[in-house]
Amino acid sequence: MDTTVSKQPRGAVTTGPALLFDSWRSGLGGGLTSQQDFTSLLKAFRGWVYVCASRNAMGVASSTLRLYVAVPEEAARSDKVFPTRPLSKAQVKHLRSHPRIKHLKQVRKAVTIEEVVEHPFLDMLQQVNPFTNYFDLWELTELHQELCGNAYWFLNRDRLESPREIWLLPPNKVRIKPDKERFLSGYLYKEGVLRERLLLPEDVIHFKFPNPSDPYYGRSPLSAVMAEYNIGEQINRYESSLFKNMGRLDGAFETEEELTDAEFERLKTEIRQAFYGVENAGKTPLLEKGVHFKGYGYNPREMSYMGGRMLTKEVICNAYGQSLGMYDKDSTRANSEMSEYTWQQNTVRPRLVRLEEKLNERLLPMYDDTLFVAFDSNVPQDRELRMREIDSRLGSQLTVINEERAEESLPPVPWGDMPLVAQGVGPLVTGGGLPQPLPQAEQQVEAFVAAVAKGVRRRLLEDQV
């Protein structure tokens, strides 16, 4: 055990990074563990790992990232050097309900928030580098995290030290270099076989999944279910071997006679040529005198392989935040929609928040400390729940028709600015709470009554004449 801390003189202070460095130094010096064998984790991108990891990555890449500016009270609007536009009602509602954006320092000090429509950051995301676009960047970034728990962006800067390009580094070629005083001194990027290049911390953005057992490297869902994944691979290899060797001879050849070595090798070669392989499946064996074929069935352990395959599938799906209902061909529409809603809410949304946090922490301050990014809401709206909420709010006079129409991006109506009575048959006014005609309707009624009265008087006069 390292006793450096206890040997310090009285009054000496050991900084946080130094304490962490001493705690984890032994673990980092012994080479990668199986959970940090990133090359093997990348190669495991197949089967249900491919299905689940790809779905999460495409869910993240399909989300829309927007750039916002928080205008402080002392800032003059004429001082802004980038075009903006006011927020829509949906954007305001999303930012107000966001678990982290409302706590940003620049947001707390802002008098207004606007969306930035033109900025070098947006241009860089559209053309990340000569070989990568927006969707490629986010899909690969998320795939690296889903498989290895880590993703690294290298920022290529221009002459003014502003980010100009983003290059996604393979996680199996990056090694973190700890530092006792600063906690992190850089990233070692492997170029070729023997050469390593040191990248400065300010030039690399490290996205990672949480890992309670290592403060430097993230842990992926795949590494968390490595045992189940290995069992699935063993089952696949076992069944593949059966499929290659079946003819379909699930048994053994037996004879009571003693065979010479030459006879044994001859029979073995003939059997292999006649029955092994898929192309020989279904052939009937022709046996020599004294040779018998004894078949055998599957034992209970082999029969349990199918159940083991289903269990492996379920464990992998759950590790990636997905339910089997998302892949059930017999699932009802209601179940499919609920599975989609749960996946977007509990799996994709936290991943988007984690990406936003890292960009607002590391990348946006390189441009302006009033800028921040946020993904649009990815959670599909529950229309049935929305209609119940509308009925409840209107019925309790909490809102009016035009407020609810504005939430749905619909234009206002002339009669929609007064609350309805509980029965929903008319507007509520102060005179006893009874439904009364609208002002415009009152004028129309009065005009109609006056016209009728005028006609009646004219008829009476004509009758008198």
Protein backbone atom coordinates (compact mmCIF):
# COMPACT_ATOMS: atom_id res chain seq x y z
CA MET A 1 0.00 0.00 0.00
CA ASP A 2 1.25 3.49 -0.89
CA THR A 3 1.82 5.43 2.34
CA THR A 4 2.94 8.68 0.75
CA VAL A 5 0.12 10.65 2.31
CA SER A 6 0.87 9.47 5.86
CA LYS A 7 4.57 10.38 5.54
CA GLN A 8 3.89 14.02 4.69
CA PRO A 9 4.89 16.60 7.28
CA ARG A 10 2.17 18.23 9.36
CA GLY A 11 0.41 20.94 7.40
CA ALA A 12 1.21 19.48 3.98
CA VAL A 13 -1.71 19.29 1.55
CA THR A 14 -2.18 16.62 -1.08
CA THR A 15 -4.30 17.79 -3.98
CA GLY A 16 -7.23 15.82 -5.36
CA PRO A 17 -5.50 14.81 -8.62
CA ALA A 18 -2.49 13.51 -6.71
CA LEU A 19 -4.67 11.40 -4.45
CA LEU A 20 -6.52 9.91 -7.42
CA PHE A 21 -3.28 9.32 -9.26
CA ASP A 22 -1.80 7.39 -6.34
CA SER A 23 -5.01 5.38 -5.93
CA TRP A 24 -5.21 4.27 -9.55
CA ARG A 25 -1.53 4.17 -10.52
CA SER A 26 -1.12 0.44 -9.90
CA GLY A 27 -4.19 -0.42 -11.95
CA LEU A 28 -3.08 1.62 -14.94
CA GLY A 29 0.44 0.28 -15.06
CA GLY A 30 -0.48 -3.37 -15.45
CA GLY A 31 -1.88 -3.23 -18.99
CA LEU A 32 -5.45 -3.41 -20.23
CA THR A 33 -7.98 -5.67 -18.59
CA SER A 34 -10.57 -7.64 -20.56
CA GLN A 35 -12.99 -4.75 -20.12
CA GLN A 36 -10.42 -2.41 -21.65
CA ASP A 37 -9.42 -4.61 -24.57
CA PHE A 38 -10.91 -2.08 -26.93
CA THR A 39 -9.82 -3.88 -30.09
CA SER A 40 -11.78 -6.98 -29.07
CA LEU A 41 -14.76 -4.85 -28.08
CA LEU A 42 -14.78 -3.20 -31.51
CA LYS A 43 -14.60 -6.60 -33.21
CA ALA A 44 -17.65 -7.75 -31.21
CA PHE A 45 -19.81 -5.46 -33.34
CA ARG A 46 -22.01 -8.23 -34.69
CA GLY A 47 -25.16 -10.14 -33.86
CA TRP A 48 -27.38 -8.57 -31.23
CA VAL A 49 -24.58 -6.23 -30.18
CA TYR A 50 -24.69 -4.79 -33.71
CA VAL A 51 -28.48 -4.49 -33.62
CA CYS A 52 -28.66 -2.77 -30.24
CA ALA A 53 -25.58 -0.54 -30.53
CA SER A 54 -26.57 0.60 -34.03
CA ARG A 55 -30.07 1.46 -32.92
CA ASN A 56 -28.81 3.64 -30.07
CA ALA A 57 -26.26 5.31 -32.34
CA MET A 58 -28.81 6.08 -35.04
CA GLY A 59 -31.23 7.38 -32.41
CA VAL A 60 -28.60 9.86 -31.22
CA ALA A 61 -27.47 10.84 -34.72
CA SER A 62 -31.07 11.46 -35.82
CA SER A 63 -31.57 14.10 -33.11
CA THR A 64 -31.26 17.77 -34.01
CA LEU A 65 -28.61 19.82 -32.22
CA ARG A 66 -29.21 23.59 -32.02
CA LEU A 67 -26.95 26.46 -31.01
CA TYR A 68 -28.31 29.10 -28.63
CA VAL A 69 -27.04 32.38 -27.23
CA ALA A 70 -27.93 33.59 -23.75
CA VAL A 71 -28.09 37.40 -24.02
CA PRO A 72 -27.11 38.98 -20.68
CA GLU A 73 -28.83 42.08 -19.35
CA GLU A 74 -25.89 44.38 -20.05
CA ALA A 75 -25.41 43.20 -23.63
CA ALA A 76 -26.62 45.45 -26.43
CA ARG A 77 -28.44 43.64 -29.20
CA SER A 78 -26.48 45.60 -31.79
CA ASP A 79 -23.25 44.08 -30.48
CA LYS A 80 -24.13 40.57 -31.65
CA VAL A 81 -21.95 39.40 -34.52
CA PHE A 82 -24.00 36.33 -35.50
CA PRO A 83 -27.57 36.16 -36.81
CA THR A 84 -30.24 34.83 -34.46
CA ARG A 85 -33.97 34.25 -34.42
CA PRO A 86 -36.53 34.14 -31.60
CA LEU A 87 -37.36 30.80 -30.04
CA SER A 88 -40.49 28.95 -30.98
CA LYS A 89 -42.95 27.93 -28.29
CA ALA A 90 -41.75 24.34 -28.57
CA GLN A 91 -38.12 25.43 -28.01
CA VAL A 92 -39.04 27.56 -25.00
CA LYS A 93 -40.99 24.71 -23.47
CA HIS A 94 -38.16 22.24 -24.11
CA LEU A 95 -35.44 24.48 -22.61
CA ARG A 96 -37.56 25.27 -19.56
CA SER A 97 -38.07 21.57 -18.87
CA HIS A 98 -34.47 20.57 -19.65
CA PRO A 99 -32.77 18.95 -16.64
CA ARG A 100 -29.44 20.74 -17.15
CA ILE A 101 -29.72 23.73 -19.53
CA LYS A 102 -31.66 25.86 -17.06
CA HIS A 103 -28.78 25.52 -14.57
CA LEU A 104 -26.08 26.83 -16.91
CA LYS A 105 -24.39 29.98 -15.66
CA GLN A 106 -25.00 31.94 -18.85
CA VAL A 107 -28.67 30.92 -18.88
CA ARG A 108 -29.23 32.02 -15.28
CA LYS A 109 -27.80 35.48 -16.10
CA ALA A 110 -29.63 35.89 -19.40
CA VAL A 111 -32.59 38.17 -20.01
CA THR A 112 -33.43 36.39 -23.25
CA ILE A 113 -32.35 33.33 -25.20
CA GLU A 114 -32.24 33.16 -28.97
CA GLU A 115 -31.29 30.51 -31.49
CA VAL A 116 -28.13 31.13 -33.50
CA VAL A 117 -28.66 30.36 -37.18
CA GLU A 118 -25.20 31.18 -38.57
CA HIS A 119 -21.93 30.49 -36.78
CA PRO A 120 -18.55 28.79 -37.47
CA PHE A 121 -19.51 26.04 -35.02
CA LEU A 122 -22.57 25.17 -37.10
CA ASP A 123 -20.49 25.23 -40.28
CA MET A 124 -17.97 22.86 -38.75
CA LEU A 125 -20.70 20.40 -37.74
CA GLN A 126 -22.09 20.35 -41.26
CA GLN A 127 -18.68 19.58 -42.76
CA VAL A 128 -16.77 17.98 -39.91
CA ASN A 129 -13.74 17.19 -42.05
CA PRO A 130 -13.24 16.30 -45.74
CA PHE A 131 -14.47 12.74 -45.08
CA THR A 132 -17.13 13.11 -42.37
CA ASN A 133 -20.50 14.85 -42.13
CA TYR A 134 -22.86 15.57 -39.24
CA PHE A 135 -24.63 12.20 -39.17
CA ASP A 136 -21.37 10.26 -39.56
CA LEU A 137 -19.80 12.14 -36.65
CA TRP A 138 -22.57 11.49 -34.15
CA GLU A 139 -23.25 7.92 -35.23
CA LEU A 140 -19.60 6.88 -34.94
CA THR A 141 -19.12 8.84 -31.71
CA GLU A 142 -22.02 7.03 -30.13
CA LEU A 143 -20.94 3.64 -31.54
CA HIS A 144 -17.51 4.05 -29.96
CA GLN A 145 -19.17 4.68 -26.61
CA GLU A 146 -21.65 1.82 -27.00
CA LEU A 147 -18.84 -0.64 -27.77
CA CYS A 148 -15.85 0.71 -25.82
CA GLY A 149 -17.33 3.27 -23.44
CA ASN A 150 -15.02 5.98 -24.85
CA ALA A 151 -14.99 8.33 -27.84
CA TYR A 152 -12.32 10.91 -28.67
CA TRP A 153 -12.58 14.05 -30.80
CA PHE A 154 -9.33 15.64 -31.95
CA LEU A 155 -9.78 19.36 -32.72
CA ASN A 156 -7.76 20.64 -35.64
CA ARG A 157 -7.39 24.41 -35.18
CA ASP A 158 -6.81 27.31 -37.56
CA ARG A 159 -4.25 30.07 -37.16
CA LEU A 160 -6.49 31.90 -34.69
CA GLU A 161 -6.66 28.77 -32.50
CA SER A 162 -10.35 28.29 -33.29
CA PRO A 163 -11.57 24.74 -34.01
CA ARG A 164 -11.69 24.15 -37.76
CA GLU A 165 -12.12 20.37 -38.11
CA ILE A 166 -13.08 17.43 -35.91
CA TRP A 167 -11.36 14.07 -36.30
CA LEU A 168 -12.77 11.03 -34.54
CA LEU A 169 -9.94 8.94 -33.10
CA PRO A 170 -10.23 5.12 -32.86
CA PRO A 171 -10.63 4.31 -29.14
CA ASN A 172 -8.35 1.27 -29.41
CA LYS A 173 -5.46 3.54 -30.47
CA VAL A 174 -5.77 6.10 -27.67
CA ARG A 175 -4.14 5.68 -24.30
CA ILE A 176 -4.66 8.16 -21.47
CA LYS A 177 -1.53 9.53 -19.82
CA PRO A 178 -2.22 10.38 -16.14
CA ASP A 179 -0.50 13.14 -14.25
CA LYS A 180 0.01 13.25 -10.49
CA GLU A 181 -0.52 17.00 -10.19
CA ARG A 182 -2.96 17.80 -13.00
CA PHE A 183 -4.68 14.38 -13.08
CA LEU A 184 -4.26 14.28 -16.87
CA SER A 185 -1.22 15.24 -18.94
CA GLY A 186 -2.53 14.20 -22.35
CA TYR A 187 -3.57 11.43 -24.69
CA LEU A 188 -1.12 9.07 -26.38
CA TYR A 189 -2.29 8.30 -29.92
CA LYS A 190 -0.71 5.26 -31.53
CA GLU A 191 0.58 6.00 -35.04
CA GLY A 192 1.74 2.85 -36.78
CA VAL A 193 3.28 0.02 -34.81
CA LEU A 194 5.81 1.64 -32.49
CA ARG A 195 5.26 5.39 -32.64
CA GLU A 196 2.98 7.28 -30.22
CA ARG A 197 2.02 10.93 -30.49
CA LEU A 198 1.14 12.98 -27.41
CA LEU A 199 -2.05 15.03 -27.84
CA LEU A 200 -2.67 17.91 -25.44
CA PRO A 201 -5.79 17.77 -23.25
CA GLU A 202 -7.14 21.02 -24.72
CA ASP A 203 -7.05 19.50 -28.22
CA VAL A 204 -9.05 16.38 -27.33
CA ILE A 205 -12.66 16.05 -26.18
CA HIS A 206 -13.18 12.76 -24.37
CA PHE A 207 -16.75 11.45 -24.29
CA LYS A 208 -17.23 8.48 -22.01
CA PHE A 209 -19.82 6.42 -20.22
CA PRO A 210 -19.59 6.39 -16.42
CA ASN A 211 -17.25 3.86 -14.87
CA PRO A 212 -17.14 3.64 -11.06
CA SER A 213 -14.03 1.45 -11.17
CA ASP A 214 -11.83 3.74 -13.29
CA PRO A 215 -11.76 7.57 -13.38
CA TYR A 216 -9.97 7.69 -16.75
CA TYR A 217 -11.73 5.21 -19.04
CA GLY A 218 -15.45 4.76 -19.53
CA ARG A 219 -17.24 1.44 -19.43
CA SER A 220 -19.54 0.32 -22.24
CA PRO A 221 -22.75 -1.74 -22.02
CA LEU A 222 -20.94 -4.49 -23.94
CA SER A 223 -18.18 -4.80 -21.35
CA ALA A 224 -20.84 -5.04 -18.64
CA VAL A 225 -22.39 -8.14 -20.26
CA MET A 226 -19.19 -9.69 -21.54
CA ALA A 227 -19.90 -13.05 -19.85
CA GLU A 228 -23.31 -13.34 -21.52
CA TYR A 229 -21.82 -12.29 -24.85
CA ASN A 230 -19.11 -14.95 -24.59
CA ILE A 231 -21.72 -17.61 -23.82
CA GLY A 232 -23.63 -16.58 -26.91
CA GLU A 233 -20.48 -16.82 -29.01
CA GLN A 234 -19.76 -20.30 -27.67
CA ILE A 235 -23.30 -21.41 -28.51
CA ASN A 236 -22.88 -20.04 -32.04
CA ARG A 237 -19.61 -21.89 -32.53
CA TYR A 238 -21.07 -25.11 -31.14
CA GLU A 239 -24.08 -24.99 -33.46
CA SER A 240 -21.90 -23.97 -36.39
CA SER A 241 -19.72 -27.02 -35.82
CA LEU A 242 -22.79 -29.26 -35.69
CA PHE A 243 -24.07 -27.74 -38.91
CA LYS A 244 -20.77 -28.22 -40.73
CA ASN A 245 -20.33 -31.82 -39.60
CA MET A 246 -23.88 -33.11 -39.79
CA GLY A 247 -24.86 -35.60 -42.40
CA ARG A 248 -27.21 -36.11 -40.44
CA LEU A 249 -25.14 -38.52 -38.23
CA ASP A 250 -25.84 -37.69 -34.62
CA GLY A 251 -24.14 -40.80 -33.32
CA ALA A 252 -21.12 -43.09 -33.65
CA PHE A 253 -19.99 -46.14 -35.66
CA GLU A 254 -19.24 -49.22 -33.60
CA THR A 255 -17.79 -52.68 -34.38
CA GLU A 256 -16.97 -55.69 -32.24
CA GLU A 257 -14.09 -56.69 -34.48
CA GLU A 258 -10.60 -55.44 -33.91
CA LEU A 259 -9.47 -53.03 -36.63
CA THR A 260 -5.94 -52.46 -37.75
CA ASP A 261 -4.64 -48.93 -37.92
CA ALA A 262 -4.93 -48.96 -41.71
CA GLU A 263 -8.55 -50.19 -41.61
CA PHE A 264 -9.45 -47.63 -38.98
CA GLU A 265 -8.00 -44.76 -41.01
CA ARG A 266 -9.69 -46.05 -44.18
CA LEU A 267 -13.12 -46.22 -42.54
CA LYS A 268 -12.68 -42.81 -40.96
CA THR A 269 -11.78 -41.27 -44.33
CA GLU A 270 -14.71 -42.93 -46.09
CA ILE A 271 -17.17 -41.79 -43.43
CA ARG A 272 -15.87 -38.24 -43.55
CA GLN A 273 -16.08 -38.10 -47.34
CA ALA A 274 -19.53 -39.67 -47.47
CA PHE A 275 -21.36 -37.95 -44.64
CA TYR A 276 -19.57 -34.84 -43.30
CA GLY A 277 -20.60 -31.47 -44.66
CA VAL A 278 -23.89 -29.78 -45.50
CA GLU A 279 -23.88 -31.10 -49.07
CA ASN A 280 -24.03 -34.68 -47.73
CA ALA A 281 -26.98 -34.06 -45.43
CA GLY A 282 -29.72 -36.68 -45.73
CA LYS A 283 -27.61 -39.49 -47.19
CA THR A 284 -28.26 -43.03 -45.94
CA PRO A 285 -25.20 -44.77 -44.48
CA LEU A 286 -24.02 -48.01 -46.13
CA LEU A 287 -22.11 -50.02 -43.56
CA GLU A 288 -19.64 -52.90 -43.85
CA LYS A 289 -20.30 -56.20 -42.18
CA GLY A 290 -19.82 -55.93 -38.43
CA VAL A 291 -20.07 -52.13 -38.35
CA HIS A 292 -23.11 -50.66 -36.57
CA PHE A 293 -24.32 -47.08 -36.26
CA LYS A 294 -25.53 -46.03 -32.81
CA GLY A 295 -27.45 -42.77 -32.76
CA TYR A 296 -27.99 -40.52 -29.78
CA GLY A 297 -30.21 -37.57 -29.09
CA TYR A 298 -29.58 -34.26 -27.43
CA ASN A 299 -29.10 -34.33 -23.70
CA PRO A 300 -30.86 -31.76 -21.46
CA ARG A 301 -27.77 -29.52 -21.42
CA GLU A 302 -27.77 -29.28 -25.21
CA MET A 303 -31.53 -28.71 -25.27
CA SER A 304 -31.01 -25.72 -22.96
CA TYR A 305 -28.84 -23.94 -25.54
CA MET A 306 -31.87 -22.42 -27.25
CA GLY A 307 -33.05 -21.01 -23.94
CA GLY A 308 -29.54 -19.72 -23.33
CA ARG A 309 -29.58 -17.96 -26.69
CA MET A 310 -32.84 -16.18 -25.81
CA LEU A 311 -31.46 -15.20 -22.40
CA THR A 312 -28.31 -13.78 -24.01
CA LYS A 313 -30.44 -11.75 -26.40
CA GLU A 314 -32.53 -10.35 -23.56
CA VAL A 315 -29.52 -9.46 -21.40
CA ILE A 316 -27.77 -7.64 -24.28
CA CYS A 317 -30.93 -5.73 -25.20
CA ASN A 318 -31.50 -4.69 -21.60
CA ALA A 319 -27.88 -3.59 -21.21
CA TYR A 320 -28.38 -1.26 -24.17
CA GLY A 321 -31.61 0.11 -22.71
CA GLN A 322 -33.92 -1.70 -25.10
CA SER A 323 -36.77 -4.11 -24.50
CA LEU A 324 -37.60 -7.26 -26.43
CA GLY A 325 -40.92 -5.66 -27.35
CA MET A 326 -39.03 -3.48 -29.84
CA TYR A 327 -38.16 -6.60 -31.84
CA ASP A 328 -41.24 -8.75 -31.29
CA LYS A 329 -42.95 -9.37 -34.63
CA ASP A 330 -46.21 -10.22 -32.82
CA SER A 331 -46.21 -7.04 -30.74
CA THR A 332 -49.29 -4.84 -30.94
CA ARG A 333 -49.11 -1.24 -32.07
CA ALA A 334 -49.73 0.00 -28.54
CA ASN A 335 -46.88 -2.13 -27.17
CA SER A 336 -44.54 -1.02 -29.97
CA GLU A 337 -45.31 2.65 -29.36
CA MET A 338 -44.80 2.25 -25.62
CA SER A 339 -41.47 0.46 -26.20
CA GLU A 340 -40.37 3.25 -28.53
CA TYR A 341 -41.44 5.94 -26.04
CA THR A 342 -39.62 4.21 -23.15
CA TRP A 343 -36.45 3.74 -25.22
CA GLN A 344 -36.38 7.39 -26.32
CA GLN A 345 -37.10 8.65 -22.80
CA ASN A 346 -34.87 6.38 -20.72
CA THR A 347 -32.05 5.47 -23.13
CA VAL A 348 -31.55 8.02 -25.89
CA ARG A 349 -32.39 11.11 -23.86
CA PRO A 350 -29.70 10.59 -21.15
CA ARG A 351 -27.13 10.00 -23.89
CA LEU A 352 -28.07 13.31 -25.53
CA VAL A 353 -27.80 15.14 -22.21
CA ARG A 354 -24.34 13.65 -21.63
CA LEU A 355 -23.18 14.85 -25.06
CA GLU A 356 -24.63 18.33 -24.49
CA GLU A 357 -22.86 18.62 -21.17
CA LYS A 358 -19.49 17.79 -22.66
CA LEU A 359 -19.87 20.21 -25.59
CA ASN A 360 -21.01 23.05 -23.32
CA GLU A 361 -18.13 22.32 -20.98
CA ARG A 362 -15.29 21.92 -23.46
CA LEU A 363 -16.09 23.12 -26.99
CA LEU A 364 -18.48 26.11 -26.86
CA PRO A 365 -16.30 28.23 -24.50
CA MET A 366 -13.68 28.26 -27.30
CA TYR A 367 -16.06 30.54 -29.24
CA ASP A 368 -18.05 32.58 -26.70
CA ASP A 369 -19.06 32.08 -23.08
CA THR A 370 -22.67 33.05 -23.86
CA LEU A 371 -23.18 30.17 -26.30
CA PHE A 372 -24.57 26.75 -25.49
CA VAL A 373 -26.08 23.81 -27.38
CA ALA A 374 -29.08 21.60 -26.76
CA PHE A 375 -30.70 18.77 -28.67
CA ASP A 376 -34.35 19.05 -29.60
CA SER A 377 -36.72 16.87 -27.63
CA ASN A 378 -36.49 13.35 -29.00
CA VAL A 379 -39.33 11.88 -26.94
CA PRO A 380 -42.46 11.28 -29.05
CA GLN A 381 -45.52 13.02 -27.69
CA ASP A 382 -48.25 10.86 -26.25
CA ARG A 383 -51.23 12.22 -28.18
CA GLU A 384 -53.80 10.49 -26.02
CA LEU A 385 -52.24 11.93 -22.87
CA ARG A 386 -52.03 15.34 -24.55
CA MET A 387 -55.76 15.34 -25.35
CA ARG A 388 -56.62 14.40 -21.77
CA GLU A 389 -54.46 17.28 -20.53
CA ILE A 390 -56.20 19.71 -22.89
CA ASP A 391 -59.64 18.59 -21.74
CA SER A 392 -58.61 18.86 -18.09
CA ARG A 393 -57.13 22.35 -18.40
CA LEU A 394 -60.00 23.74 -20.45
CA GLY A 395 -62.58 22.13 -18.20
CA SER A 396 -61.03 23.66 -15.08
CA GLN A 397 -60.67 27.11 -16.75
CA LEU A 398 -56.87 26.90 -16.31
CA THR A 399 -56.26 27.81 -19.95
CA VAL A 400 -58.22 29.06 -22.93
CA ILE A 401 -58.62 27.73 -26.44
CA ASN A 402 -56.02 30.02 -28.01
CA GLU A 403 -53.36 29.03 -25.46
CA GLU A 404 -53.87 25.37 -26.27
CA ARG A 405 -53.86 26.11 -30.00
CA ALA A 406 -50.58 27.96 -29.62
CA GLU A 407 -49.06 24.86 -28.00
CA GLU A 408 -50.07 22.93 -31.12
CA SER A 409 -48.64 25.66 -33.43
CA LEU A 410 -52.16 26.54 -34.61
CA PRO A 411 -53.39 30.12 -35.31
CA PRO A 412 -55.74 31.78 -32.79
CA VAL A 413 -59.49 32.00 -33.32
CA PRO A 414 -61.66 35.05 -32.54
CA TRP A 415 -63.67 33.23 -29.88
CA GLY A 416 -60.73 31.51 -28.17
CA ASP A 417 -59.64 34.08 -25.58
CA MET A 418 -62.27 33.38 -22.91
CA PRO A 419 -62.37 30.31 -20.66
CA LEU A 420 -65.17 27.79 -21.09
CA VAL A 421 -67.58 26.60 -18.46
CA ALA A 422 -67.19 23.06 -17.22
CA GLN A 423 -69.75 21.77 -19.71
CA GLY A 424 -67.80 23.38 -22.54
CA VAL A 425 -70.90 25.05 -24.04
CA GLY A 426 -69.92 28.68 -23.82
CA PRO A 427 -67.60 31.31 -22.31
CA LEU A 428 -67.51 32.04 -18.59
CA VAL A 429 -68.13 35.65 -17.46
CA THR A 430 -68.33 37.27 -14.07
CA GLY A 431 -72.10 37.63 -13.98
CA GLY A 432 -72.96 34.57 -11.94
CA GLY A 433 -70.81 32.23 -13.94
CA LEU A 434 -73.55 31.59 -16.53
CA PRO A 435 -72.78 31.38 -20.24
CA GLN A 436 -73.40 34.66 -22.04
CA PRO A 437 -73.16 35.58 -25.72
CA LEU A 438 -69.89 36.94 -26.98
CA PRO A 439 -69.78 40.73 -27.60
CA GLN A 440 -69.81 40.25 -31.36
CA ALA A 441 -72.73 37.85 -31.08
CA GLU A 442 -74.63 40.36 -28.90
CA GLN A 443 -74.32 43.00 -31.58
CA GLN A 444 -75.54 40.56 -34.20
CA VAL A 445 -78.54 39.58 -32.03
CA GLU A 446 -79.42 43.23 -31.32
CA ALA A 447 -79.21 44.06 -35.02
CA PHE A 448 -81.41 41.09 -35.84
CA VAL A 449 -84.01 42.07 -33.20
CA ALA A 450 -84.01 45.69 -34.43
CA ALA A 451 -84.53 44.55 -38.01
CA VAL A 452 -87.42 42.30 -36.99
CA ALA A 453 -89.02 45.09 -34.92
CA LYS A 454 -88.68 47.53 -37.80
CA GLY A 455 -90.36 45.06 -40.14
CA VAL A 456 -93.21 44.47 -37.71
CA ARG A 457 -93.85 48.20 -37.30
CA ARG A 458 -93.88 48.68 -41.07
CA ARG A 459 -96.40 45.85 -41.46
CA LEU A 460 -98.66 47.32 -38.78
CA LEU A 461 -98.64 50.72 -40.48
CA GLU A 462 -99.48 49.13 -43.82
CA ASP A 463 -102.44 47.30 -42.22
CA GLN A 464 -103.78 50.56 -40.71
CA VAL A 465 -103.66 52.29 -44.08
